């Protein structure tokens, strides 16, 4: 599993996501806190979908399936 590394912009130490709030399906606010006890910085980061690098296979699958037929992954 790949994980996203969050870095504190004050002390440059590792930070963790404590809460996430999905604003839209393409935009999420990440509430973070620095793991460095001496720093203690808490902050919000934005995670946003920008664009695709390769088209998804799902639109092609949806065009070829009959209505009501489930897509399995």
N, C-alpha and C. Protein backbone atom coordinates (compact mmCIF):
# COMPACT_ATOMS: atom_id res chain seq x y z
N UNK A 1 0.84 -1.18 0.00
CA UNK A 1 0.00 0.00 0.00
C UNK A 1 0.89 1.25 0.00
N UNK A 2 0.60 2.17 -0.88
CA UNK A 2 1.32 3.44 -0.91
C UNK A 2 0.68 4.40 0.08
N UNK A 3 1.49 5.20 0.72
CA UNK A 3 0.98 6.20 1.64
C UNK A 3 1.53 7.56 1.24
N UNK A 4 0.81 8.58 1.60
CA UNK A 4 1.23 9.94 1.31
C UNK A 4 1.99 10.46 2.54
N UNK A 5 3.18 10.98 2.33
CA UNK A 5 3.97 11.53 3.42
C UNK A 5 3.62 12.99 3.61
N UNK A 6 3.28 13.36 4.83
CA UNK A 6 2.95 14.75 5.17
C UNK A 6 4.14 15.31 5.94
N UNK A 7 4.62 16.47 5.51
CA UNK A 7 5.76 17.13 6.15
C UNK A 7 5.30 18.47 6.73
N UNK A 8 5.68 18.72 7.97
CA UNK A 8 5.39 19.99 8.63
C UNK A 8 6.20 21.09 7.96
N UNK A 9 5.57 22.18 7.59
CA UNK A 9 6.30 23.27 6.93
C UNK A 9 7.03 24.18 7.92
N UNK A 10 6.88 23.93 9.21
CA UNK A 10 7.59 24.74 10.22
C UNK A 10 8.90 24.10 10.64
N UNK A 11 8.87 22.80 11.01
CA UNK A 11 10.09 22.13 11.47
C UNK A 11 10.60 21.09 10.47
N UNK A 12 9.84 20.83 9.42
CA UNK A 12 10.17 19.86 8.37
C UNK A 12 10.20 18.41 8.87
N UNK A 13 9.54 18.17 10.00
CA UNK A 13 9.39 16.81 10.51
C UNK A 13 8.16 16.15 9.92
N UNK A 14 7.98 14.88 10.24
CA UNK A 14 6.81 14.15 9.77
C UNK A 14 5.57 14.63 10.51
N UNK A 15 4.46 14.63 9.79
CA UNK A 15 3.17 14.99 10.39
C UNK A 15 2.17 13.90 10.04
N UNK A 16 1.04 13.89 10.70
CA UNK A 16 0.01 12.90 10.41
C UNK A 16 -1.33 13.57 10.18
N UNK A 17 -2.16 12.90 9.42
CA UNK A 17 -3.52 13.37 9.16
C UNK A 17 -4.39 12.90 10.30
N UNK A 18 -5.06 13.83 10.96
CA UNK A 18 -5.92 13.45 12.07
C UNK A 18 -7.38 13.32 11.63
N UNK A 19 -7.77 14.14 10.66
CA UNK A 19 -9.15 14.15 10.17
C UNK A 19 -9.14 14.55 8.71
N UNK A 20 -10.10 14.04 7.97
CA UNK A 20 -10.28 14.48 6.59
C UNK A 20 -11.73 14.87 6.40
N UNK A 21 -11.94 15.91 5.63
CA UNK A 21 -13.29 16.40 5.36
C UNK A 21 -13.47 16.53 3.85
N UNK A 22 -14.29 15.66 3.28
CA UNK A 22 -14.54 15.71 1.85
C UNK A 22 -15.51 16.85 1.55
N UNK A 23 -15.04 17.82 0.80
CA UNK A 23 -15.86 18.97 0.42
C UNK A 23 -16.65 18.62 -0.84
N UNK A 24 -15.96 18.07 -1.83
CA UNK A 24 -16.58 17.55 -3.05
C UNK A 24 -15.87 16.23 -3.37
N UNK A 25 -16.37 15.44 -4.31
CA UNK A 25 -15.66 14.21 -4.66
C UNK A 25 -14.23 14.44 -5.17
N UNK A 26 -13.91 15.66 -5.58
CA UNK A 26 -12.58 15.97 -6.10
C UNK A 26 -11.76 16.88 -5.19
N UNK A 27 -12.29 17.24 -4.03
CA UNK A 27 -11.58 18.17 -3.14
C UNK A 27 -11.81 17.76 -1.68
N UNK A 28 -10.70 17.56 -0.95
CA UNK A 28 -10.76 17.15 0.45
C UNK A 28 -9.82 18.02 1.28
N UNK A 29 -10.27 18.41 2.47
CA UNK A 29 -9.41 19.11 3.42
C UNK A 29 -8.82 18.07 4.37
N UNK A 30 -7.50 18.12 4.55
CA UNK A 30 -6.79 17.22 5.45
C UNK A 30 -6.33 18.01 6.66
N UNK A 31 -6.79 17.62 7.84
CA UNK A 31 -6.40 18.28 9.08
C UNK A 31 -5.21 17.50 9.64
N UNK A 32 -4.08 18.18 9.82
CA UNK A 32 -2.82 17.52 10.15
C UNK A 32 -2.22 18.08 11.43
N UNK A 33 -1.34 17.27 12.04
CA UNK A 33 -0.60 17.71 13.22
C UNK A 33 0.82 17.15 13.11
N UNK A 34 1.79 17.98 13.47
CA UNK A 34 3.20 17.59 13.44
C UNK A 34 3.46 16.55 14.53
N UNK A 35 4.26 15.52 14.20
CA UNK A 35 4.62 14.48 15.17
C UNK A 35 5.70 14.94 16.15
N UNK A 36 6.39 16.03 15.83
CA UNK A 36 7.45 16.55 16.69
C UNK A 36 6.79 17.27 17.87
N UNK A 37 6.94 16.71 19.06
CA UNK A 37 6.30 17.27 20.27
C UNK A 37 6.79 18.69 20.56
N UNK A 38 8.02 19.01 20.20
CA UNK A 38 8.54 20.36 20.44
C UNK A 38 7.93 21.38 19.49
N UNK A 39 7.44 20.93 18.34
CA UNK A 39 6.83 21.83 17.36
C UNK A 39 5.32 21.95 17.62
N UNK A 40 4.61 20.83 17.51
CA UNK A 40 3.18 20.82 17.79
C UNK A 40 2.31 21.56 16.80
N UNK A 41 2.85 21.91 15.63
CA UNK A 41 2.10 22.66 14.63
C UNK A 41 0.90 21.85 14.13
N UNK A 42 -0.26 22.48 14.07
CA UNK A 42 -1.43 21.86 13.45
C UNK A 42 -1.81 22.73 12.26
N UNK A 43 -2.24 22.07 11.18
CA UNK A 43 -2.48 22.80 9.94
C UNK A 43 -3.46 22.03 9.05
N UNK A 44 -3.94 22.70 8.03
CA UNK A 44 -4.86 22.12 7.06
C UNK A 44 -4.19 22.10 5.70
N UNK A 45 -4.29 20.96 5.02
CA UNK A 45 -3.79 20.84 3.65
C UNK A 45 -4.99 20.54 2.75
N UNK A 46 -4.86 20.88 1.49
CA UNK A 46 -5.90 20.60 0.51
C UNK A 46 -5.43 19.50 -0.42
N UNK A 47 -6.30 18.53 -0.63
CA UNK A 47 -6.05 17.45 -1.57
C UNK A 47 -7.07 17.58 -2.69
N UNK A 48 -6.58 17.78 -3.90
CA UNK A 48 -7.48 18.07 -5.02
C UNK A 48 -7.09 17.24 -6.24
N UNK A 49 -8.09 16.69 -6.92
CA UNK A 49 -7.87 16.00 -8.19
C UNK A 49 -7.55 17.06 -9.23
N UNK A 50 -6.49 16.84 -10.02
CA UNK A 50 -6.11 17.81 -11.04
C UNK A 50 -6.52 17.34 -12.43
N UNK A 51 -5.99 16.22 -12.89
CA UNK A 51 -6.32 15.71 -14.21
C UNK A 51 -5.83 14.27 -14.35
N UNK A 52 -6.34 13.59 -15.36
CA UNK A 52 -5.96 12.20 -15.62
C UNK A 52 -4.73 12.15 -16.51
N UNK A 53 -3.90 11.16 -16.28
CA UNK A 53 -2.75 10.92 -17.15
C UNK A 53 -3.05 9.83 -18.17
N UNK A 54 -4.00 8.99 -17.83
CA UNK A 54 -4.41 7.91 -18.71
C UNK A 54 -5.92 7.74 -18.54
N UNK A 55 -6.66 7.54 -19.62
CA UNK A 55 -8.10 7.42 -19.47
C UNK A 55 -8.49 6.16 -18.69
N UNK A 56 -9.57 6.26 -17.98
CA UNK A 56 -10.09 5.13 -17.22
C UNK A 56 -10.73 4.11 -18.15
N UNK A 57 -10.70 2.86 -17.75
CA UNK A 57 -11.38 1.81 -18.52
C UNK A 57 -12.87 1.80 -18.26
N UNK A 58 -13.32 2.43 -17.19
CA UNK A 58 -14.73 2.39 -16.82
C UNK A 58 -15.67 3.00 -17.85
N UNK A 59 -15.39 4.14 -18.46
CA UNK A 59 -16.34 4.65 -19.45
C UNK A 59 -16.57 3.67 -20.60
N UNK A 60 -15.52 2.99 -21.06
CA UNK A 60 -15.68 2.01 -22.13
C UNK A 60 -16.52 0.84 -21.66
N UNK A 61 -16.30 0.40 -20.44
CA UNK A 61 -17.10 -0.70 -19.90
C UNK A 61 -18.56 -0.30 -19.78
N UNK A 62 -18.82 0.92 -19.35
CA UNK A 62 -20.21 1.37 -19.17
C UNK A 62 -20.93 1.44 -20.50
N UNK A 63 -20.26 1.84 -21.57
CA UNK A 63 -20.90 1.93 -22.89
C UNK A 63 -21.30 0.57 -23.41
N UNK A 64 -20.54 -0.48 -23.05
CA UNK A 64 -20.77 -1.80 -23.60
C UNK A 64 -21.66 -2.67 -22.73
N UNK A 65 -22.00 -2.24 -21.54
CA UNK A 65 -22.84 -3.02 -20.65
C UNK A 65 -24.29 -2.59 -20.80
N UNK A 66 -25.16 -3.53 -20.56
CA UNK A 66 -26.60 -3.19 -20.58
C UNK A 66 -26.95 -2.50 -19.28
N UNK A 67 -28.04 -1.75 -19.27
CA UNK A 67 -28.48 -1.04 -18.08
C UNK A 67 -28.79 -2.05 -16.98
N UNK A 68 -28.39 -1.70 -15.77
CA UNK A 68 -28.67 -2.54 -14.62
C UNK A 68 -27.64 -3.64 -14.40
N UNK A 69 -26.71 -3.81 -15.30
CA UNK A 69 -25.67 -4.83 -15.14
C UNK A 69 -24.56 -4.25 -14.28
N UNK A 70 -24.23 -4.89 -13.17
CA UNK A 70 -23.21 -4.33 -12.27
C UNK A 70 -21.82 -4.46 -12.84
N UNK A 71 -20.97 -3.52 -12.45
CA UNK A 71 -19.55 -3.57 -12.81
C UNK A 71 -18.83 -4.16 -11.62
N UNK A 72 -18.06 -5.20 -11.85
CA UNK A 72 -17.28 -5.81 -10.76
C UNK A 72 -15.82 -5.45 -10.97
N UNK A 73 -15.13 -5.27 -9.84
CA UNK A 73 -13.71 -4.94 -9.91
C UNK A 73 -12.89 -6.05 -9.32
